[in-house]
Amino acid sequence: MALARLRNVVSFYTLIARKEKQHNDLRISTFSDNVVMSISPDKKDFIILLLGLIQIVGATSGCLLRGGMTVGNIAHDDDVVFGPALNRAYDIERTISAYPRIVADPEQVQEFANAIPLLRWDKDVATVDPFRRAEFDLLCRMTTRWRMDRGEIVPGNLEREFAKEVMDTFSNMFHALTDELQRPLPEAAWKKVAWLFDRIATDFGIPERASDYRQVR
């Protein structure tokens, strides 16, 4: 089951890569449960939007994502990926991220200071946060337009389709997270799911908290 969910998320990466490679020179490599994405620094708005969208897709599948984002040198093509930027992003993911979040390099946060408003400060670190209401709506609107362009939605009332996208996506994400909270997870893993759930619940004005779904055994 977990592998099937992970496969769905990785398939989404592949779909994005095929769509955006020619337009944005986006490169994506996957191995095991790791994903490396690279793009020109002048496309940082696009990559931040994409990272937000991917986090939502992961959450609706019950796959919570953690990572690091930086600016630096990297060699990345269809065959290889290596370089100091990859090493730095890995170090951020391993030592700073801790929770299901993507952290911007604290040493280069000024590089993202004027980026689109998808960054959120968590104490002393900036994260790519798509789970606040305004940012969530923005990404759902993008998804609606993209699905319409792909022919998955019959062209018509954009606002109606957008409202449906928001409702369906949030409902899927909410149920996926509550399902995870009710699983017999190790304490450390449960706390990470709970951290994200409580954050979303607070921002969306939902009264429930993760502890309401904890199964006592």
N, C-alpha and C. Protein backbone atom coordinates (compact mmCIF):
# COMPACT_ATOMS: atom_id res chain seq x y z
N MET A 1 0.82 -1.20 0.00
CA MET A 1 0.00 0.00 0.00
C MET A 1 0.86 1.25 0.00
N ALA A 2 1.86 1.29 0.90
CA ALA A 2 2.74 2.45 0.98
C ALA A 2 3.52 2.62 -0.32
N LEU A 3 3.96 1.51 -0.90
CA LEU A 3 4.69 1.58 -2.16
C LEU A 3 3.81 2.10 -3.28
N ALA A 4 2.54 1.71 -3.27
CA ALA A 4 1.61 2.19 -4.30
C ALA A 4 1.42 3.70 -4.18
N ARG A 5 1.30 4.20 -2.95
CA ARG A 5 1.15 5.63 -2.76
C ARG A 5 2.40 6.37 -3.22
N LEU A 6 3.56 5.84 -2.88
CA LEU A 6 4.81 6.46 -3.29
C LEU A 6 4.94 6.46 -4.80
N ARG A 7 4.52 5.37 -5.43
CA ARG A 7 4.58 5.29 -6.89
C ARG A 7 3.72 6.38 -7.54
N ASN A 8 2.55 6.64 -6.97
CA ASN A 8 1.68 7.68 -7.51
C ASN A 8 2.35 9.06 -7.45
N VAL A 9 3.04 9.32 -6.34
CA VAL A 9 3.72 10.61 -6.21
C VAL A 9 4.88 10.71 -7.20
N VAL A 10 5.68 9.64 -7.31
CA VAL A 10 6.80 9.65 -8.26
C VAL A 10 6.29 9.79 -9.68
N SER A 11 5.16 9.17 -10.01
CA SER A 11 4.58 9.31 -11.34
C SER A 11 4.23 10.76 -11.63
N PHE A 12 3.79 11.47 -10.59
CA PHE A 12 3.48 12.89 -10.77
C PHE A 12 4.74 13.68 -11.09
N TYR A 13 5.85 13.36 -10.42
CA TYR A 13 7.12 14.01 -10.74
C TYR A 13 7.45 13.80 -12.22
N THR A 14 7.29 12.58 -12.69
CA THR A 14 7.62 12.25 -14.07
C THR A 14 6.75 13.04 -15.04
N LEU A 15 5.47 13.16 -14.73
CA LEU A 15 4.55 13.92 -15.56
C LEU A 15 4.97 15.38 -15.63
N ILE A 16 5.31 15.96 -14.50
CA ILE A 16 5.75 17.35 -14.46
C ILE A 16 7.03 17.53 -15.28
N ALA A 17 7.95 16.59 -15.13
CA ALA A 17 9.22 16.70 -15.85
C ALA A 17 9.00 16.72 -17.35
N ARG A 18 8.13 15.84 -17.84
CA ARG A 18 7.87 15.80 -19.28
C ARG A 18 7.22 17.10 -19.76
N LYS A 19 6.33 17.65 -18.96
CA LYS A 19 5.61 18.86 -19.35
C LYS A 19 6.51 20.09 -19.34
N GLU A 20 7.38 20.19 -18.33
CA GLU A 20 8.09 21.44 -18.10
C GLU A 20 9.54 21.46 -18.60
N LYS A 21 10.08 20.33 -19.03
CA LYS A 21 11.50 20.28 -19.37
C LYS A 21 11.86 21.27 -20.46
N GLN A 22 11.06 21.33 -21.52
CA GLN A 22 11.37 22.22 -22.63
C GLN A 22 11.16 23.67 -22.27
N HIS A 23 10.15 23.96 -21.44
CA HIS A 23 9.81 25.35 -21.14
C HIS A 23 10.67 25.95 -20.03
N ASN A 24 11.01 25.17 -19.06
CA ASN A 24 11.71 25.70 -17.89
C ASN A 24 13.04 25.03 -17.60
N ASP A 25 13.47 24.11 -18.45
CA ASP A 25 14.71 23.37 -18.24
C ASP A 25 14.73 22.70 -16.87
N LEU A 26 13.58 22.22 -16.45
CA LEU A 26 13.46 21.50 -15.19
C LEU A 26 14.03 20.10 -15.33
N ARG A 27 14.84 19.70 -14.37
CA ARG A 27 15.39 18.34 -14.38
C ARG A 27 14.99 17.64 -13.08
N ILE A 28 14.54 16.40 -13.21
CA ILE A 28 14.11 15.62 -12.05
C ILE A 28 14.72 14.23 -12.13
N SER A 29 15.30 13.79 -11.03
CA SER A 29 15.80 12.42 -10.90
C SER A 29 15.21 11.81 -9.64
N THR A 30 14.83 10.54 -9.73
CA THR A 30 14.31 9.83 -8.56
C THR A 30 15.13 8.57 -8.33
N PHE A 31 15.36 8.26 -7.07
CA PHE A 31 15.99 7.00 -6.70
C PHE A 31 15.53 6.66 -5.28
N SER A 32 15.06 5.42 -5.13
CA SER A 32 14.46 5.00 -3.87
C SER A 32 13.34 5.99 -3.54
N ASP A 33 13.35 6.55 -2.31
CA ASP A 33 12.33 7.52 -1.95
C ASP A 33 12.89 8.95 -1.99
N ASN A 34 13.97 9.14 -2.75
CA ASN A 34 14.59 10.46 -2.88
C ASN A 34 14.29 11.06 -4.26
N VAL A 35 14.13 12.37 -4.27
CA VAL A 35 13.90 13.10 -5.52
C VAL A 35 14.83 14.30 -5.56
N VAL A 36 15.50 14.50 -6.69
CA VAL A 36 16.34 15.67 -6.90
C VAL A 36 15.73 16.48 -8.03
N MET A 37 15.51 17.77 -7.79
CA MET A 37 14.98 18.67 -8.80
C MET A 37 15.94 19.84 -8.95
N SER A 38 16.24 20.22 -10.18
CA SER A 38 17.11 21.37 -10.39
C SER A 38 16.58 22.22 -11.53
N ILE A 39 16.87 23.51 -11.46
CA ILE A 39 16.39 24.47 -12.45
C ILE A 39 17.26 25.71 -12.36
N SER A 40 17.23 26.54 -13.38
CA SER A 40 17.99 27.79 -13.36
C SER A 40 17.52 28.68 -12.22
N PRO A 41 18.45 29.39 -11.53
CA PRO A 41 18.05 30.23 -10.40
C PRO A 41 17.03 31.30 -10.75
N ASP A 42 16.99 31.73 -12.01
CA ASP A 42 16.02 32.77 -12.38
C ASP A 42 14.60 32.21 -12.49
N LYS A 43 14.44 30.90 -12.27
CA LYS A 43 13.11 30.28 -12.29
C LYS A 43 12.67 29.89 -10.88
N LYS A 44 13.19 30.59 -9.87
CA LYS A 44 12.90 30.17 -8.49
C LYS A 44 11.42 30.29 -8.15
N ASP A 45 10.71 31.26 -8.73
CA ASP A 45 9.28 31.33 -8.46
C ASP A 45 8.58 30.06 -8.92
N PHE A 46 8.96 29.59 -10.11
CA PHE A 46 8.33 28.38 -10.64
C PHE A 46 8.63 27.17 -9.77
N ILE A 47 9.89 27.01 -9.36
CA ILE A 47 10.25 25.82 -8.60
C ILE A 47 9.59 25.84 -7.22
N ILE A 48 9.41 27.02 -6.63
CA ILE A 48 8.75 27.10 -5.33
C ILE A 48 7.28 26.73 -5.47
N LEU A 49 6.62 27.21 -6.53
CA LEU A 49 5.25 26.81 -6.79
C LEU A 49 5.15 25.30 -6.97
N LEU A 50 6.08 24.75 -7.73
CA LEU A 50 6.07 23.32 -8.00
C LEU A 50 6.29 22.52 -6.71
N LEU A 51 7.21 22.97 -5.88
CA LEU A 51 7.45 22.28 -4.61
C LEU A 51 6.22 22.33 -3.71
N GLY A 52 5.51 23.45 -3.75
CA GLY A 52 4.26 23.52 -2.99
C GLY A 52 3.22 22.55 -3.51
N LEU A 53 3.08 22.51 -4.82
CA LEU A 53 2.11 21.61 -5.44
C LEU A 53 2.44 20.15 -5.14
N ILE A 54 3.70 19.81 -5.21
CA ILE A 54 4.11 18.43 -4.96
C ILE A 54 3.85 18.03 -3.51
N GLN A 55 4.02 18.97 -2.58
CA GLN A 55 3.72 18.64 -1.19
C GLN A 55 2.24 18.33 -1.00
N ILE A 56 1.38 19.07 -1.70
CA ILE A 56 -0.05 18.80 -1.61
C ILE A 56 -0.37 17.44 -2.21
N VAL A 57 0.20 17.15 -3.37
CA VAL A 57 -0.03 15.85 -4.01
C VAL A 57 0.43 14.73 -3.08
N GLY A 58 1.59 14.91 -2.46
CA GLY A 58 2.08 13.90 -1.53
C GLY A 58 1.14 13.71 -0.35
N ALA A 59 0.67 14.83 0.22
CA ALA A 59 -0.20 14.74 1.39
C ALA A 59 -1.52 14.05 1.07
N THR A 60 -2.06 14.29 -0.12
CA THR A 60 -3.32 13.63 -0.49
C THR A 60 -3.12 12.14 -0.71
N SER A 61 -1.87 11.72 -0.88
CA SER A 61 -1.56 10.30 -1.05
C SER A 61 -1.05 9.65 0.23
N GLY A 62 -0.97 10.45 1.30
CA GLY A 62 -0.43 9.93 2.55
C GLY A 62 1.08 9.84 2.56
N CYS A 63 1.74 10.51 1.61
CA CYS A 63 3.20 10.54 1.55
C CYS A 63 3.66 11.95 1.93
N LEU A 64 4.18 12.10 3.12
CA LEU A 64 4.61 13.41 3.59
C LEU A 64 6.07 13.63 3.22
N LEU A 65 6.34 14.80 2.65
CA LEU A 65 7.64 15.06 2.05
C LEU A 65 8.47 16.01 2.90
N ARG A 66 9.77 15.74 2.92
CA ARG A 66 10.72 16.55 3.67
C ARG A 66 11.89 16.82 2.75
N GLY A 67 12.44 18.05 2.81
CA GLY A 67 13.55 18.33 1.91
C GLY A 67 14.25 19.62 2.21
N GLY A 68 15.24 19.92 1.37
CA GLY A 68 16.00 21.15 1.47
C GLY A 68 16.10 21.82 0.12
N MET A 69 16.17 23.13 0.10
CA MET A 69 16.23 23.91 -1.13
C MET A 69 17.38 24.91 -1.02
N THR A 70 18.22 24.95 -2.04
CA THR A 70 19.37 25.84 -2.00
C THR A 70 19.69 26.33 -3.41
N VAL A 71 20.66 27.23 -3.51
CA VAL A 71 21.18 27.72 -4.79
C VAL A 71 22.66 27.39 -4.83
N GLY A 72 23.12 26.78 -5.92
CA GLY A 72 24.52 26.42 -6.02
C GLY A 72 24.80 25.60 -7.26
N ASN A 73 26.00 25.10 -7.34
CA ASN A 73 26.44 24.34 -8.51
C ASN A 73 25.99 22.89 -8.42
N ILE A 74 25.49 22.40 -9.56
CA ILE A 74 25.06 21.00 -9.63
C ILE A 74 25.21 20.53 -11.07
N ALA A 75 25.64 19.30 -11.24
CA ALA A 75 25.65 18.64 -12.55
C ALA A 75 24.46 17.69 -12.57
N HIS A 76 23.52 17.91 -13.48
CA HIS A 76 22.29 17.14 -13.46
C HIS A 76 21.80 16.93 -14.88
N ASP A 77 21.83 15.68 -15.31
CA ASP A 77 21.27 15.35 -16.62
C ASP A 77 20.55 14.00 -16.50
N ASP A 78 20.26 13.37 -17.61
CA ASP A 78 19.51 12.12 -17.57
C ASP A 78 20.29 10.97 -16.96
N ASP A 79 21.62 11.12 -16.87
CA ASP A 79 22.46 10.02 -16.40
C ASP A 79 23.03 10.21 -15.00
N VAL A 80 23.37 11.46 -14.65
CA VAL A 80 24.06 11.69 -13.38
C VAL A 80 23.50 12.92 -12.68
N VAL A 81 23.68 12.95 -11.39
CA VAL A 81 23.39 14.15 -10.61
C VAL A 81 24.37 14.19 -9.44
N PHE A 82 25.13 15.28 -9.34
CA PHE A 82 26.08 15.44 -8.25
C PHE A 82 26.49 16.91 -8.16
N GLY A 83 27.12 17.26 -7.06
CA GLY A 83 27.62 18.61 -6.90
C GLY A 83 27.35 19.17 -5.52
N PRO A 84 27.99 20.29 -5.18
CA PRO A 84 27.85 20.85 -3.83
C PRO A 84 26.42 21.27 -3.49
N ALA A 85 25.63 21.69 -4.47
CA ALA A 85 24.24 22.07 -4.18
C ALA A 85 23.43 20.86 -3.72
N LEU A 86 23.65 19.71 -4.36
CA LEU A 86 22.97 18.49 -3.94
C LEU A 86 23.37 18.11 -2.53
N ASN A 87 24.66 18.19 -2.23
CA ASN A 87 25.14 17.86 -0.88
C ASN A 87 24.53 18.78 0.16
N ARG A 88 24.44 20.07 -0.17
CA ARG A 88 23.89 21.04 0.77
C ARG A 88 22.39 20.78 1.01
N ALA A 89 21.66 20.54 -0.08
CA ALA A 89 20.23 20.26 0.07
C ALA A 89 20.00 19.02 0.94
N TYR A 90 20.83 18.02 0.74
CA TYR A 90 20.72 16.79 1.54
C TYR A 90 21.00 17.08 3.01
N ASP A 91 22.02 17.91 3.28
CA ASP A 91 22.34 18.25 4.67
C ASP A 91 21.19 19.01 5.34
N ILE A 92 20.53 19.90 4.58
CA ILE A 92 19.40 20.65 5.12
C ILE A 92 18.26 19.69 5.47
N GLU A 93 17.98 18.78 4.55
CA GLU A 93 16.91 17.80 4.79
C GLU A 93 17.22 16.94 6.01
N ARG A 94 18.47 16.56 6.15
CA ARG A 94 18.86 15.62 7.21
C ARG A 94 18.97 16.29 8.56
N THR A 95 19.42 17.55 8.61
CA THR A 95 19.75 18.16 9.89
C THR A 95 18.79 19.28 10.33
N ILE A 96 18.02 19.85 9.40
CA ILE A 96 17.19 21.00 9.74
C ILE A 96 15.70 20.72 9.56
N SER A 97 15.33 20.07 8.47
CA SER A 97 13.91 19.95 8.13
C SER A 97 13.11 19.29 9.26
N ALA A 98 13.53 18.12 9.70
CA ALA A 98 12.93 17.40 10.85
C ALA A 98 11.48 16.99 10.61
N TYR A 99 10.62 17.94 10.27
CA TYR A 99 9.20 17.67 10.05
C TYR A 99 8.90 17.60 8.55
N PRO A 100 7.68 17.26 8.17
CA PRO A 100 7.33 17.23 6.73
C PRO A 100 7.27 18.65 6.16
N ARG A 101 8.41 19.17 5.79
CA ARG A 101 8.51 20.52 5.25
C ARG A 101 9.75 20.62 4.38
N ILE A 102 9.76 21.58 3.48
CA ILE A 102 10.91 21.84 2.63
C ILE A 102 11.51 23.17 3.07
N VAL A 103 12.75 23.11 3.54
CA VAL A 103 13.40 24.26 4.15
C VAL A 103 14.33 24.94 3.15
N ALA A 104 14.21 26.27 3.07
CA ALA A 104 15.14 27.06 2.26
C ALA A 104 16.46 27.20 3.01
N ASP A 105 17.55 27.12 2.30
CA ASP A 105 18.88 27.19 2.89
C ASP A 105 19.02 28.45 3.76
N PRO A 106 19.22 28.30 5.07
CA PRO A 106 19.36 29.48 5.93
C PRO A 106 20.52 30.38 5.53
N GLU A 107 21.52 29.82 4.87
CA GLU A 107 22.67 30.62 4.45
C GLU A 107 22.41 31.36 3.15
N GLN A 108 21.31 31.03 2.46
CA GLN A 108 21.01 31.68 1.19
C GLN A 108 19.56 32.17 1.12
N VAL A 109 18.96 32.37 2.26
CA VAL A 109 17.55 32.72 2.27
C VAL A 109 17.28 34.02 1.53
N GLN A 110 18.30 34.91 1.44
CA GLN A 110 18.12 36.16 0.71
C GLN A 110 17.85 35.91 -0.77
N GLU A 111 18.30 34.75 -1.28
CA GLU A 111 18.06 34.41 -2.68
C GLU A 111 16.57 34.22 -2.95
N PHE A 112 15.80 33.93 -1.90
CA PHE A 112 14.37 33.66 -2.07
C PHE A 112 13.51 34.78 -1.48
N ALA A 113 14.15 35.85 -1.02
CA ALA A 113 13.43 36.89 -0.30
C ALA A 113 12.32 37.54 -1.13
N ASN A 114 12.54 37.69 -2.43
CA ASN A 114 11.56 38.35 -3.29
C ASN A 114 10.74 37.35 -4.11
N ALA A 115 10.81 36.09 -3.71
CA ALA A 115 10.06 35.06 -4.44
C ALA A 115 8.57 35.18 -4.10
N ILE A 116 7.77 34.43 -4.83
CA ILE A 116 6.32 34.45 -4.61
C ILE A 116 5.99 34.11 -3.16
N PRO A 117 4.83 34.56 -2.66
CA PRO A 117 4.52 34.41 -1.23
C PRO A 117 4.11 33.00 -0.85
N LEU A 118 5.02 32.05 -1.04
CA LEU A 118 4.75 30.69 -0.62
C LEU A 118 5.72 30.29 0.50
N LEU A 119 6.60 31.23 0.85
CA LEU A 119 7.54 30.96 1.93
C LEU A 119 6.93 31.38 3.26
N ARG A 120 7.23 30.62 4.28
CA ARG A 120 6.71 30.88 5.62
C ARG A 120 7.85 30.70 6.62
N TRP A 121 7.94 31.60 7.56
CA TRP A 121 9.00 31.50 8.56
C TRP A 121 8.55 30.62 9.72
N ASP A 122 9.33 29.59 10.00
CA ASP A 122 9.15 28.74 11.17
C ASP A 122 10.28 29.06 12.13
N LYS A 123 10.02 29.96 13.05
CA LYS A 123 11.06 30.43 13.96
C LYS A 123 12.20 31.01 13.14
N ASP A 124 13.32 30.31 13.01
CA ASP A 124 14.47 30.90 12.33
C ASP A 124 14.73 30.30 10.96
N VAL A 125 13.77 29.51 10.41
CA VAL A 125 13.98 28.95 9.07
C VAL A 125 12.77 29.27 8.19
N ALA A 126 13.03 29.43 6.89
CA ALA A 126 11.97 29.67 5.92
C ALA A 126 11.62 28.36 5.23
N THR A 127 10.33 28.10 5.10
CA THR A 127 9.89 26.85 4.48
C THR A 127 8.93 27.14 3.34
N VAL A 128 8.86 26.21 2.38
CA VAL A 128 7.87 26.28 1.32
C VAL A 128 6.57 25.72 1.89
N ASP A 129 5.59 26.60 2.08
CA ASP A 129 4.37 26.18 2.78
C ASP A 129 3.13 26.38 1.91
N PRO A 130 2.58 25.30 1.33
CA PRO A 130 1.38 25.41 0.51
C PRO A 130 0.10 25.15 1.30
N PHE A 131 0.20 25.00 2.62
CA PHE A 131 -0.94 24.53 3.41
C PHE A 131 -1.70 25.64 4.12
N ARG A 132 -1.39 26.90 3.85
CA ARG A 132 -2.22 27.99 4.30
C ARG A 132 -3.31 28.23 3.26
N ARG A 133 -4.44 28.80 3.68
CA ARG A 133 -5.61 28.84 2.81
C ARG A 133 -5.34 29.58 1.50
N ALA A 134 -4.77 30.77 1.55
CA ALA A 134 -4.55 31.54 0.33
C ALA A 134 -3.60 30.82 -0.62
N GLU A 135 -2.53 30.24 -0.08
CA GLU A 135 -1.55 29.54 -0.90
C GLU A 135 -2.14 28.24 -1.46
N PHE A 136 -2.92 27.56 -0.64
CA PHE A 136 -3.59 26.34 -1.09
C PHE A 136 -4.54 26.65 -2.25
N ASP A 137 -5.31 27.72 -2.13
CA ASP A 137 -6.23 28.12 -3.20
C ASP A 137 -5.47 28.46 -4.48
N LEU A 138 -4.35 29.16 -4.34
CA LEU A 138 -3.54 29.52 -5.50
C LEU A 138 -3.10 28.28 -6.27
N LEU A 139 -2.61 27.29 -5.55
CA LEU A 139 -2.12 26.08 -6.20
C LEU A 139 -3.27 25.25 -6.79
N CYS A 140 -4.41 25.24 -6.13
CA CYS A 140 -5.57 24.54 -6.70
C CYS A 140 -6.05 25.23 -7.97
N ARG A 141 -5.96 26.55 -8.01
CA ARG A 141 -6.33 27.28 -9.23
C ARG A 141 -5.38 26.92 -10.38
N MET A 142 -4.09 26.85 -10.06
CA MET A 142 -3.12 26.43 -11.08
C MET A 142 -3.43 25.03 -11.58
N THR A 143 -3.74 24.13 -10.66
CA THR A 143 -4.05 22.75 -11.03
C THR A 143 -5.28 22.68 -11.92
N THR A 144 -6.30 23.48 -11.60
CA THR A 144 -7.53 23.51 -12.39
C THR A 144 -7.23 23.93 -13.83
N ARG A 145 -6.46 25.00 -13.98
CA ARG A 145 -6.12 25.47 -15.33
C ARG A 145 -5.29 24.43 -16.08
N TRP A 146 -4.37 23.80 -15.36
CA TRP A 146 -3.52 22.79 -15.99
C TRP A 146 -4.35 21.60 -16.46
N ARG A 147 -5.25 21.13 -15.61
CA ARG A 147 -6.11 20.00 -15.97
C ARG A 147 -7.03 20.36 -17.14
N MET A 148 -7.46 21.61 -17.19
CA MET A 148 -8.30 22.04 -18.30
C MET A 148 -7.49 22.05 -19.60
N ASP A 149 -6.24 22.53 -19.51
CA ASP A 149 -5.36 22.54 -20.68
C ASP A 149 -5.08 21.13 -21.19
N ARG A 150 -4.99 20.17 -20.25
CA ARG A 150 -4.72 18.78 -20.62
C ARG A 150 -5.96 18.04 -21.11
N GLY A 151 -7.12 18.70 -21.04
CA GLY A 151 -8.34 18.07 -21.49
C GLY A 151 -8.99 17.17 -20.46
N GLU A 152 -8.48 17.21 -19.21
CA GLU A 152 -9.07 16.39 -18.15
C GLU A 152 -10.38 17.00 -17.64
N ILE A 153 -10.55 18.30 -17.88
CA ILE A 153 -11.77 19.01 -17.51
C ILE A 153 -12.33 19.66 -18.77
N VAL A 154 -13.61 19.48 -18.98
CA VAL A 154 -14.25 20.11 -20.13
C VAL A 154 -14.29 21.62 -19.90
N PRO A 155 -13.78 22.43 -20.86
CA PRO A 155 -13.81 23.88 -20.67
C PRO A 155 -15.22 24.36 -20.35
N GLY A 156 -15.30 25.21 -19.37
CA GLY A 156 -16.62 25.71 -18.94
C GLY A 156 -16.44 26.75 -17.88
N ASN A 157 -17.17 26.60 -16.79
CA ASN A 157 -17.13 27.56 -15.71
C ASN A 157 -15.89 27.34 -14.85
N LEU A 158 -14.88 28.18 -15.05
CA LEU A 158 -13.60 28.01 -14.37
C LEU A 158 -13.76 28.10 -12.85
N GLU A 159 -14.57 29.07 -12.38
CA GLU A 159 -14.72 29.24 -10.94
C GLU A 159 -15.40 28.03 -10.30
N ARG A 160 -16.36 27.44 -10.99
CA ARG A 160 -17.01 26.24 -10.45
C ARG A 160 -16.02 25.09 -10.36
N GLU A 161 -15.22 24.91 -11.40
CA GLU A 161 -14.22 23.83 -11.39
C GLU A 161 -13.14 24.08 -10.34
N PHE A 162 -12.79 25.35 -10.18
CA PHE A 162 -11.80 25.69 -9.16
C PHE A 162 -12.32 25.37 -7.77
N ALA A 163 -13.57 25.74 -7.47
CA ALA A 163 -14.17 25.46 -6.17
C ALA A 163 -14.21 23.95 -5.91
N LYS A 164 -14.52 23.19 -6.95
CA LYS A 164 -14.55 21.73 -6.82
C LYS A 164 -13.15 21.18 -6.56
N GLU A 165 -12.15 21.74 -7.22
CA GLU A 165 -10.76 21.30 -7.03
C GLU A 165 -10.33 21.53 -5.59
N VAL A 166 -10.65 22.69 -5.05
CA VAL A 166 -10.30 23.01 -3.67
C VAL A 166 -10.96 22.02 -2.71
N MET A 167 -12.26 21.82 -2.89
CA MET A 167 -13.01 20.94 -1.99
C MET A 167 -12.51 19.50 -2.07
N ASP A 168 -12.33 19.00 -3.29
CA ASP A 168 -11.89 17.61 -3.45
C ASP A 168 -10.48 17.40 -2.92
N THR A 169 -9.58 18.35 -3.25
CA THR A 169 -8.19 18.20 -2.83
C THR A 169 -8.07 18.26 -1.31
N PHE A 170 -8.76 19.22 -0.69
CA PHE A 170 -8.68 19.32 0.76
C PHE A 170 -9.29 18.10 1.43
N SER A 171 -10.42 17.63 0.92
CA SER A 171 -11.06 16.45 1.49
C SER A 171 -10.13 15.23 1.41
N ASN A 172 -9.50 15.03 0.25
CA ASN A 172 -8.58 13.90 0.09
C ASN A 172 -7.39 14.02 1.03
N MET A 173 -6.87 15.23 1.17
CA MET A 173 -5.72 15.45 2.04
C MET A 173 -6.09 15.22 3.50
N PHE A 174 -7.24 15.75 3.90
CA PHE A 174 -7.71 15.61 5.28
C PHE A 174 -7.89 14.14 5.64
N HIS A 175 -8.54 13.38 4.76
CA HIS A 175 -8.79 11.97 5.05
C HIS A 175 -7.49 11.16 5.04
N ALA A 176 -6.57 11.51 4.14
CA ALA A 176 -5.29 10.80 4.11
C ALA A 176 -4.52 11.03 5.40
N LEU A 177 -4.52 12.26 5.89
CA LEU A 177 -3.79 12.57 7.12
C LEU A 177 -4.44 11.92 8.35
N THR A 178 -5.77 11.96 8.43
CA THR A 178 -6.42 11.34 9.58
C THR A 178 -6.26 9.82 9.55
N ASP A 179 -6.23 9.24 8.35
CA ASP A 179 -5.94 7.80 8.25
C ASP A 179 -4.55 7.49 8.80
N GLU A 180 -3.57 8.34 8.46
CA GLU A 180 -2.22 8.13 8.97
C GLU A 180 -2.18 8.27 10.49
N LEU A 181 -2.91 9.25 11.02
CA LEU A 181 -2.91 9.47 12.47
C LEU A 181 -3.49 8.30 13.24
N GLN A 182 -4.37 7.54 12.59
CA GLN A 182 -5.01 6.40 13.26
C GLN A 182 -4.25 5.09 13.07
N ARG A 183 -3.17 5.14 12.28
CA ARG A 183 -2.37 3.93 12.09
C ARG A 183 -1.46 3.72 13.29
N PRO A 184 -1.02 2.48 13.53
CA PRO A 184 -0.10 2.21 14.64
C PRO A 184 1.34 2.60 14.30
N LEU A 185 1.57 3.90 14.16
CA LEU A 185 2.88 4.40 13.78
C LEU A 185 3.81 4.48 14.99
N PRO A 186 5.12 4.36 14.77
CA PRO A 186 6.06 4.65 15.85
C PRO A 186 5.85 6.09 16.33
N GLU A 187 6.16 6.35 17.55
CA GLU A 187 5.89 7.66 18.15
C GLU A 187 6.50 8.80 17.34
N ALA A 188 7.74 8.65 16.91
CA ALA A 188 8.40 9.74 16.17
C ALA A 188 7.68 10.02 14.85
N ALA A 189 7.26 8.96 14.16
CA ALA A 189 6.57 9.14 12.89
C ALA A 189 5.19 9.76 13.11
N TRP A 190 4.50 9.33 14.16
CA TRP A 190 3.17 9.89 14.45
C TRP A 190 3.27 11.38 14.73
N LYS A 191 4.27 11.79 15.48
CA LYS A 191 4.42 13.20 15.83
C LYS A 191 4.65 14.06 14.59
N LYS A 192 5.30 13.52 13.58
CA LYS A 192 5.52 14.29 12.36
C LYS A 192 4.22 14.49 11.59
N VAL A 193 3.40 13.45 11.52
CA VAL A 193 2.09 13.59 10.88
C VAL A 193 1.24 14.58 11.68
N ALA A 194 1.28 14.44 13.00
CA ALA A 194 0.49 15.32 13.87
C ALA A 194 0.91 16.77 13.71
N TRP A 195 2.20 17.01 13.57
CA TRP A 195 2.71 18.37 13.38
C TRP A 195 2.08 19.01 12.16
N LEU A 196 2.05 18.28 11.05
CA LEU A 196 1.47 18.84 9.83
C LEU A 196 -0.04 18.99 9.95
N PHE A 197 -0.70 17.99 10.51
CA PHE A 197 -2.16 18.07 10.64
C PHE A 197 -2.57 19.27 11.48
N ASP A 198 -1.94 19.46 12.63
CA ASP A 198 -2.31 20.56 13.51
C ASP A 198 -2.03 21.91 12.86
N ARG A 199 -0.98 21.98 12.09
CA ARG A 199 -0.65 23.22 11.36
C ARG A 199 -1.75 23.55 10.36
N ILE A 200 -2.17 22.55 9.58
CA ILE A 200 -3.22 22.75 8.59
C ILE A 200 -4.54 23.09 9.28
N ALA A 201 -4.87 22.36 10.33
CA ALA A 201 -6.12 22.60 11.05
C ALA A 201 -6.19 24.02 11.58
N THR A 202 -5.09 24.52 12.12
CA THR A 202 -5.06 25.88 12.64
C THR A 202 -5.28 26.89 11.52
N ASP A 203 -4.58 26.73 10.41
CA ASP A 203 -4.67 27.70 9.31
C ASP A 203 -6.03 27.67 8.62
N PHE A 204 -6.69 26.52 8.61
CA PHE A 204 -7.99 26.41 7.96
C PHE A 204 -9.16 26.56 8.94
N GLY A 205 -8.87 26.83 10.19
CA GLY A 205 -9.93 27.03 11.17
C GLY A 205 -10.70 25.77 11.51
N ILE A 206 -10.03 24.62 11.49
CA ILE A 206 -10.66 23.35 11.82
C ILE A 206 -10.45 23.09 13.31
N PRO A 207 -11.52 22.78 14.06
CA PRO A 207 -11.37 22.62 15.52
C PRO A 207 -10.63 21.36 15.93
N GLU A 208 -10.68 20.30 15.12
CA GLU A 208 -10.02 19.05 15.51
C GLU A 208 -8.51 19.23 15.57
N ARG A 209 -7.89 18.39 16.41
CA ARG A 209 -6.45 18.33 16.49
C ARG A 209 -6.01 16.88 16.34
N ALA A 210 -4.74 16.68 16.07
CA ALA A 210 -4.23 15.33 15.81
C ALA A 210 -4.56 14.38 16.94
N SER A 211 -4.50 14.87 18.17
CA SER A 211 -4.74 14.01 19.33
C SER A 211 -6.14 13.43 19.33
N ASP A 212 -7.08 14.08 18.65
CA ASP A 212 -8.45 13.56 18.58
C ASP A 212 -8.53 12.25 17.80
N TYR A 213 -7.50 11.99 16.97
CA TYR A 213 -7.52 10.79 16.11
C TYR A 213 -6.57 9.71 16.61
N ARG A 214 -5.90 9.98 17.71
CA ARG A 214 -4.94 9.00 18.24
C ARG A 214 -5.67 7.79 18.75
N GLN A 215 -5.27 6.63 18.28
CA GLN A 215 -5.88 5.37 18.72
C GLN A 215 -5.15 4.87 19.96
N VAL A 216 -5.88 4.69 21.04
CA VAL A 216 -5.27 4.21 22.29
C VAL A 216 -5.29 2.69 22.28
N ARG A 217 -4.14 2.08 22.49
CA ARG A 217 -4.03 0.62 22.47
C ARG A 217 -3.41 0.13 23.78
